[in-house]
Amino acid sequence: MKPLLLLVLLALSASAADYRKELLDADRAFDSDTAARGLEGWMAWFAADARLNTPQGEISGKDAVRKYYAAMFSRREFSIRWQPFFADVSNDGTLGYTMGKAVISYRNDQGKIQKRDGRYLTVWKRQPDGRWLAVTDMGN
C-alpha cells in the first residue's frame, strides 16, 4: 500500500509543478502581449469578471477595468515590462497567483523619461477553456 501512496503523492506534486509552470508561462506571455499590443494586449489577459481594488474604490468588470487602465496606457511612450519570480496554484489547478518585478516608464509633460521599478501580484483563474486569465492585479 505504501508504494501506491507514494506514486499518488508523486503524481500530485508533478501536477502542482506543471500548474505553476503553466501559470509562469501565462504571466510571461501576458508581458509579451502587452509589450507588443499595449492596452489591447494587456486587456486580452483579464477575465470578464475581473476586479480591482484602487484608491478610488472597487472597480468591477472587464469594461470598467479597461477604462481604469486606459489612462495609464495613454501616457506618452508608456511601457510596462515585468518578469514573474514566483507562482503558486491551488491543488485543483483552478486558482493561482504570480509575483514579480516590473519596470514602468513614460515621458512626462516636461519631456523627460520617467522610470520606476515596482513589484506586483496577479491573481489568476483558469477559465472553462483551460486558459489562465487575471481576475485581479495590484502593483506599486
Protein backbone atom coordinates (compact mmCIF):
# COMPACT_ATOMS: atom_id res chain seq x y z
CA MET A 1 0.00 0.00 0.00
CA LYS A 2 2.85 2.41 0.75
CA PRO A 3 4.29 2.27 -2.80
CA LEU A 4 0.85 3.15 -4.21
CA LEU A 5 0.53 6.12 -1.85
CA LEU A 6 4.00 7.30 -2.84
CA LEU A 7 3.08 7.10 -6.54
CA VAL A 8 -0.11 9.09 -5.93
CA LEU A 9 1.80 11.75 -3.99
CA LEU A 10 4.44 11.98 -6.72
CA ALA A 11 1.73 12.34 -9.38
CA LEU A 12 0.04 15.10 -7.39
CA SER A 13 3.29 17.01 -6.85
CA ALA A 14 4.12 16.72 -10.55
CA SER A 15 0.72 18.19 -11.37
CA ALA A 16 1.29 21.09 -8.97
CA ALA A 17 4.65 21.79 -10.60
CA ASP A 18 3.01 21.63 -14.03
CA TYR A 19 0.32 24.09 -12.91
CA ARG A 20 2.95 26.51 -11.59
CA LYS A 21 4.88 26.30 -14.87
CA GLU A 22 1.67 26.93 -16.85
CA LEU A 23 0.96 29.99 -14.74
CA LEU A 24 4.50 31.38 -15.04
CA ASP A 25 4.31 30.83 -18.80
CA ALA A 26 0.94 32.63 -18.92
CA ASP A 27 2.36 35.59 -16.98
CA ARG A 28 5.34 35.82 -19.34
CA ALA A 29 3.00 35.69 -22.36
CA PHE A 30 0.89 38.44 -20.72
CA ASP A 31 4.04 40.61 -20.55
CA SER A 32 4.97 39.89 -24.18
CA ASP A 33 1.47 40.54 -25.45
CA THR A 34 1.30 43.83 -23.55
CA ALA A 35 4.70 44.91 -24.93
CA ALA A 36 3.51 44.14 -28.47
CA ARG A 37 -0.06 45.49 -28.32
CA GLY A 38 -0.28 47.93 -25.41
CA LEU A 39 -3.68 48.22 -23.76
CA GLU A 40 -5.24 45.64 -26.10
CA GLY A 41 -2.56 43.11 -25.21
CA TRP A 42 -2.97 43.93 -21.51
CA MET A 43 -6.75 43.54 -21.57
CA ALA A 44 -6.61 40.26 -23.51
CA TRP A 45 -5.35 38.67 -20.28
CA PHE A 46 -8.16 39.84 -17.97
CA ALA A 47 -11.22 37.72 -17.21
CA ALA A 48 -14.72 39.12 -17.80
CA ASP A 49 -15.30 39.18 -14.03
CA ALA A 50 -12.01 40.95 -13.19
CA ARG A 51 -11.96 43.31 -10.20
CA LEU A 52 -9.53 45.92 -8.95
CA ASN A 53 -9.07 47.47 -5.52
CA THR A 54 -7.99 51.05 -6.28
CA PRO A 55 -7.61 54.25 -4.24
CA GLN A 56 -10.85 55.37 -5.94
CA GLY A 57 -12.63 52.22 -4.75
CA GLU A 58 -13.54 48.87 -6.20
CA ILE A 59 -13.68 48.51 -9.97
CA SER A 60 -15.62 45.55 -11.28
CA GLY A 61 -15.92 44.01 -14.74
CA LYS A 62 -13.62 43.99 -17.76
CA ASP A 63 -15.07 47.16 -19.32
CA ALA A 64 -14.51 49.15 -16.11
CA VAL A 65 -11.02 47.67 -15.73
CA ARG A 66 -10.20 48.72 -19.32
CA LYS A 67 -11.40 52.27 -18.63
CA TYR A 68 -9.28 52.44 -15.47
CA TYR A 69 -6.09 51.26 -17.20
CA ALA A 70 -6.62 53.34 -20.37
CA ALA A 71 -5.24 56.44 -18.61
CA MET A 72 -2.04 54.61 -17.68
CA PHE A 73 -1.52 53.35 -21.24
CA SER A 74 -2.29 56.77 -22.76
CA ARG A 75 0.88 58.34 -21.30
CA ARG A 76 3.43 59.30 -23.94
CA GLU A 77 5.86 56.47 -24.68
CA PHE A 78 4.33 54.37 -21.93
CA SER A 79 5.92 50.97 -21.33
CA ILE A 80 5.41 48.32 -18.69
CA ARG A 81 7.52 45.19 -18.63
CA TRP A 82 7.65 42.54 -15.95
CA GLN A 83 9.08 39.19 -15.03
CA PRO A 84 7.46 36.78 -12.58
CA PHE A 85 9.68 35.19 -9.96
CA PHE A 86 7.10 33.04 -8.14
CA ALA A 87 3.82 31.28 -8.79
CA ASP A 88 1.56 29.07 -6.74
CA VAL A 89 -1.61 27.26 -7.73
CA SER A 90 -4.47 25.62 -5.84
CA ASN A 91 -4.39 21.83 -5.63
CA ASP A 92 -7.17 21.54 -8.20
CA GLY A 93 -5.36 23.83 -10.66
CA THR A 94 -8.13 26.41 -10.95
CA LEU A 95 -6.81 29.40 -8.98
CA GLY A 96 -3.30 30.77 -8.65
CA TYR A 97 -1.14 33.82 -8.27
CA THR A 98 2.12 35.18 -9.57
CA MET A 99 4.51 37.69 -8.06
CA GLY A 100 7.30 39.52 -9.81
CA LYS A 101 9.26 42.64 -10.60
CA ALA A 102 8.17 45.31 -13.07
CA VAL A 103 9.58 48.39 -14.75
CA ILE A 104 7.25 51.19 -15.83
CA SER A 105 8.40 54.10 -17.98
CA TYR A 106 6.80 57.00 -19.84
CA ARG A 107 7.62 60.52 -21.00
CA ASN A 108 6.30 63.20 -18.61
CA ASP A 109 4.84 66.62 -19.51
CA GLN A 110 8.33 68.15 -19.39
CA GLY A 111 9.56 65.64 -21.97
CA LYS A 112 11.69 63.63 -19.56
CA ILE A 113 11.53 59.84 -19.37
CA GLN A 114 10.20 58.71 -16.00
CA LYS A 115 11.15 55.21 -14.97
CA ARG A 116 10.33 53.29 -11.84
CA ASP A 117 10.79 49.78 -10.57
CA GLY A 118 7.93 48.01 -8.90
CA ARG A 119 6.56 44.76 -7.60
CA TYR A 120 3.27 43.11 -8.48
CA LEU A 121 0.86 40.38 -7.51
CA THR A 122 -1.61 38.98 -10.04
CA VAL A 123 -4.37 36.55 -9.14
CA TRP A 124 -5.33 34.14 -11.92
CA LYS A 125 -8.33 31.89 -12.53
CA ARG A 126 -8.41 29.01 -15.01
CA GLN A 127 -11.22 29.57 -17.48
CA PRO A 128 -13.56 26.83 -18.78
CA ASP A 129 -11.48 26.65 -21.98
CA GLY A 130 -8.33 25.97 -19.90
CA ARG A 131 -6.70 29.40 -20.32
CA TRP A 132 -5.41 31.31 -17.31
CA LEU A 133 -6.79 34.86 -17.06
CA ALA A 134 -6.16 37.53 -14.45
CA VAL A 135 -9.02 38.26 -12.06
CA THR A 136 -7.14 40.97 -10.17
CA ASP A 137 -3.80 42.69 -10.36
CA MET A 138 -2.00 45.01 -8.00
CA GLY A 139 1.36 46.66 -8.02
CA ASN A 140 3.35 49.51 -6.60
